[in-house]
Structures are given as C-alpha cells and as structure tokens.
Amino acid sequence: MVSTHVISTKHSYDFTIKTVVLMYTKVAYLYIQLINYN
C-alpha cells in the first residue's frame, strides 16, 4: 500500500516535471520565433 502510493506519487511528479518542461520549451520556442521575426 505504502510502496504503491510512493510509486504513484513519483510517477505523477515525473509527469508534472515533463509537462512543465514541455510547456516552457514551447513558450521559449515561440519567444525565439517572435524575436527572429522582428
């Protein structure tokens, strides 16, 4: 029970990190495109 909860928490944590990284990557890419356009 406890180990399962820990694994589940770690998985959601990794998923959150990946989501945040992906979001920042998209924002950074759009920002670079905007700068290059100007």
PDB file of N, CA and C in Angstrom:
ATOM      1  N   MET A   1       0.843  -1.202   0.000  1.00  0.00           N
ATOM      2  CA  MET A   1       0.000   0.000   0.000  1.00  0.00           C
ATOM      3  C   MET A   1       0.878   1.252   0.000  1.00  0.00           C
ATOM      4  N   VAL A   2       1.800   1.290   0.934  1.00  0.00           N
ATOM      5  CA  VAL A   2       2.664   2.464   1.045  1.00  0.00           C
ATOM      6  C   VAL A   2       3.577   2.589  -0.170  1.00  0.00           C
ATOM      7  N   SER A   3       4.212   1.466  -0.546  1.00  0.00           N
ATOM      8  CA  SER A   3       5.138   1.497  -1.682  1.00  0.00           C
ATOM      9  C   SER A   3       4.404   1.887  -2.964  1.00  0.00           C
ATOM     10  N   THR A   4       3.171   1.401  -3.114  1.00  0.00           N
ATOM     11  CA  THR A   4       2.370   1.719  -4.295  1.00  0.00           C
ATOM     12  C   THR A   4       2.083   3.216  -4.332  1.00  0.00           C
ATOM     13  N   HIS A   5       1.782   3.774  -3.163  1.00  0.00           N
ATOM     14  CA  HIS A   5       1.493   5.203  -3.084  1.00  0.00           C
ATOM     15  C   HIS A   5       2.734   6.013  -3.456  1.00  0.00           C
ATOM     16  N   VAL A   6       3.884   5.577  -2.986  1.00  0.00           N
ATOM     17  CA  VAL A   6       5.135   6.278  -3.282  1.00  0.00           C
ATOM     18  C   VAL A   6       5.415   6.244  -4.780  1.00  0.00           C
ATOM     19  N   ILE A   7       5.257   5.060  -5.378  1.00  0.00           N
ATOM     20  CA  ILE A   7       5.495   4.917  -6.813  1.00  0.00           C
ATOM     21  C   ILE A   7       4.534   5.806  -7.590  1.00  0.00           C
ATOM     22  N   SER A   8       3.275   5.818  -7.163  1.00  0.00           N
ATOM     23  CA  SER A   8       2.263   6.627  -7.834  1.00  0.00           C
ATOM     24  C   SER A   8       2.611   8.103  -7.728  1.00  0.00           C
ATOM     25  N   THR A   9       3.062   8.516  -6.555  1.00  0.00           N
ATOM     26  CA  THR A   9       3.428   9.909  -6.341  1.00  0.00           C
ATOM     27  C   THR A   9       4.626  10.294  -7.202  1.00  0.00           C
ATOM     28  N   LYS A  10       5.606   9.407  -7.264  1.00  0.00           N
ATOM     29  CA  LYS A  10       6.787   9.671  -8.070  1.00  0.00           C
ATOM     30  C   LYS A  10       6.402   9.781  -9.542  1.00  0.00           C
ATOM     31  N   HIS A  11       5.509   8.921  -9.987  1.00  0.00           N
ATOM     32  CA  HIS A  11       5.085   8.938 -11.391  1.00  0.00           C
ATOM     33  C   HIS A  11       4.409  10.260 -11.719  1.00  0.00           C
ATOM     34  N   SER A  12       3.505  10.704 -10.864  1.00  0.00           N
ATOM     35  CA  SER A  12       2.797  11.961 -11.110  1.00  0.00           C
ATOM     36  C   SER A  12       3.772  13.131 -11.044  1.00  0.00           C
ATOM     37  N   TYR A  13       4.792  13.001 -10.171  1.00  0.00           N
ATOM     38  CA  TYR A  13       5.798  14.058 -10.050  1.00  0.00           C
ATOM     39  C   TYR A  13       6.598  14.152 -11.345  1.00  0.00           C
ATOM     40  N   ASP A  14       7.032  12.995 -11.859  1.00  0.00           N
ATOM     41  CA  ASP A  14       7.783  12.974 -13.116  1.00  0.00           C
ATOM     42  C   ASP A  14       6.926  13.520 -14.249  1.00  0.00           C
ATOM     43  N   PHE A  15       5.636  13.150 -14.242  1.00  0.00           N
ATOM     44  CA  PHE A  15       4.729  13.612 -15.288  1.00  0.00           C
ATOM     45  C   PHE A  15       4.581  15.121 -15.230  1.00  0.00           C
ATOM     46  N   THR A  16       4.504  15.672 -14.013  1.00  0.00           N
ATOM     47  CA  THR A  16       4.366  17.119 -13.847  1.00  0.00           C
ATOM     48  C   THR A  16       5.617  17.831 -14.357  1.00  0.00           C
ATOM     49  N   ILE A  17       6.780  17.293 -14.017  1.00  0.00           N
ATOM     50  CA  ILE A  17       8.041  17.883 -14.464  1.00  0.00           C
ATOM     51  C   ILE A  17       8.108  17.896 -15.990  1.00  0.00           C
ATOM     52  N   LYS A  18       7.740  16.758 -16.602  1.00  0.00           N
ATOM     53  CA  LYS A  18       7.780  16.675 -18.065  1.00  0.00           C
ATOM     54  C   LYS A  18       6.821  17.668 -18.692  1.00  0.00           C
ATOM     55  N   THR A  19       5.647  17.822 -18.073  1.00  0.00           N
ATOM     56  CA  THR A  19       4.644  18.745 -18.605  1.00  0.00           C
ATOM     57  C   THR A  19       5.149  20.182 -18.523  1.00  0.00           C
ATOM     58  N   VAL A  20       5.738  20.533 -17.386  1.00  0.00           N
ATOM     59  CA  VAL A  20       6.262  21.886 -17.198  1.00  0.00           C
ATOM     60  C   VAL A  20       7.407  22.160 -18.172  1.00  0.00           C
ATOM     61  N   VAL A  21       8.300  21.190 -18.313  1.00  0.00           N
ATOM     62  CA  VAL A  21       9.435  21.349 -19.233  1.00  0.00           C
ATOM     63  C   VAL A  21       8.932  21.525 -20.650  1.00  0.00           C
ATOM     64  N   LEU A  22       7.936  20.721 -21.030  1.00  0.00           N
ATOM     65  CA  LEU A  22       7.388  20.801 -22.383  1.00  0.00           C
ATOM     66  C   LEU A  22       6.745  22.163 -22.612  1.00  0.00           C
ATOM     67  N   MET A  23       6.030  22.649 -21.599  1.00  0.00           N
ATOM     68  CA  MET A  23       5.360  23.942 -21.707  1.00  0.00           C
ATOM     69  C   MET A  23       6.399  25.058 -21.870  1.00  0.00           C
ATOM     70  N   TYR A  24       7.442  25.023 -21.035  1.00  0.00           N
ATOM     71  CA  TYR A  24       8.474  26.056 -21.124  1.00  0.00           C
ATOM     72  C   TYR A  24       9.200  25.981 -22.468  1.00  0.00           C
ATOM     73  N   THR A  25       9.381  24.767 -22.986  1.00  0.00           N
ATOM     74  CA  THR A  25      10.047  24.594 -24.270  1.00  0.00           C
ATOM     75  C   THR A  25       9.220  25.243 -25.375  1.00  0.00           C
ATOM     76  N   LYS A  26       7.909  25.040 -25.330  1.00  0.00           N
ATOM     77  CA  LYS A  26       7.027  25.631 -26.334  1.00  0.00           C
ATOM     78  C   LYS A  26       7.043  27.152 -26.240  1.00  0.00           C
ATOM     79  N   VAL A  27       6.986  27.669 -25.027  1.00  0.00           N
ATOM     80  CA  VAL A  27       6.996  29.118 -24.821  1.00  0.00           C
ATOM     81  C   VAL A  27       8.315  29.715 -25.307  1.00  0.00           C
ATOM     82  N   ALA A  28       9.416  29.053 -24.962  1.00  0.00           N
ATOM     83  CA  ALA A  28      10.729  29.535 -25.379  1.00  0.00           C
ATOM     84  C   ALA A  28      10.842  29.522 -26.898  1.00  0.00           C
ATOM     85  N   TYR A  29      10.315  28.467 -27.525  1.00  0.00           N
ATOM     86  CA  TYR A  29      10.361  28.359 -28.987  1.00  0.00           C
ATOM     87  C   TYR A  29       9.570  29.492 -29.635  1.00  0.00           C
ATOM     88  N   LEU A  30       8.368  29.742 -29.129  1.00  0.00           N
ATOM     89  CA  LEU A  30       7.546  30.826 -29.677  1.00  0.00           C
ATOM     90  C   LEU A  30       8.221  32.176 -29.472  1.00  0.00           C
ATOM     91  N   TYR A  31       8.861  32.330 -28.305  1.00  0.00           N
ATOM     92  CA  TYR A  31       9.543  33.582 -27.994  1.00  0.00           C
ATOM     93  C   TYR A  31      10.703  33.813 -28.965  1.00  0.00           C
ATOM     94  N   ILE A  32      11.454  32.734 -29.251  1.00  0.00           N
ATOM     95  CA  ILE A  32      12.574  32.834 -30.191  1.00  0.00           C
ATOM     96  C   ILE A  32      12.060  33.152 -31.593  1.00  0.00           C
ATOM     97  N   GLN A  33      10.952  32.519 -31.979  1.00  0.00           N
ATOM     98  CA  GLN A  33      10.366  32.783 -33.286  1.00  0.00           C
ATOM     99  C   GLN A  33       9.963  34.255 -33.394  1.00  0.00           C
ATOM    100  N   LEU A  34       9.415  34.791 -32.312  1.00  0.00           N
ATOM    101  CA  LEU A  34       8.974  36.187 -32.289  1.00  0.00           C
ATOM    102  C   LEU A  34      10.168  37.126 -32.447  1.00  0.00           C
ATOM    103  N   ILE A  35      11.259  36.826 -31.751  1.00  0.00           N
ATOM    104  CA  ILE A  35      12.459  37.652 -31.843  1.00  0.00           C
ATOM    105  C   ILE A  35      13.040  37.583 -33.250  1.00  0.00           C
ATOM    106  N   ASN A  36      13.120  36.364 -33.798  1.00  0.00           N
ATOM    107  CA  ASN A  36      13.673  36.195 -35.147  1.00  0.00           C
ATOM    108  C   ASN A  36      12.804  36.882 -36.186  1.00  0.00           C
ATOM    109  N   TYR A  37      11.501  36.910 -35.956  1.00  0.00           N
ATOM    110  CA  TYR A  37      10.593  37.545 -36.900  1.00  0.00           C
ATOM    111  C   TYR A  37      10.836  39.046 -36.940  1.00  0.00           C
ATOM    112  N   ASN A  38      11.094  39.612 -35.761  1.00  0.00           N
ATOM    113  CA  ASN A  38      11.367  41.030 -35.689  1.00  0.00           C
ATOM    114  C   ASN A  38      12.847  41.278 -36.004  1.00  0.00           C
TER     115      ASN A  38
END
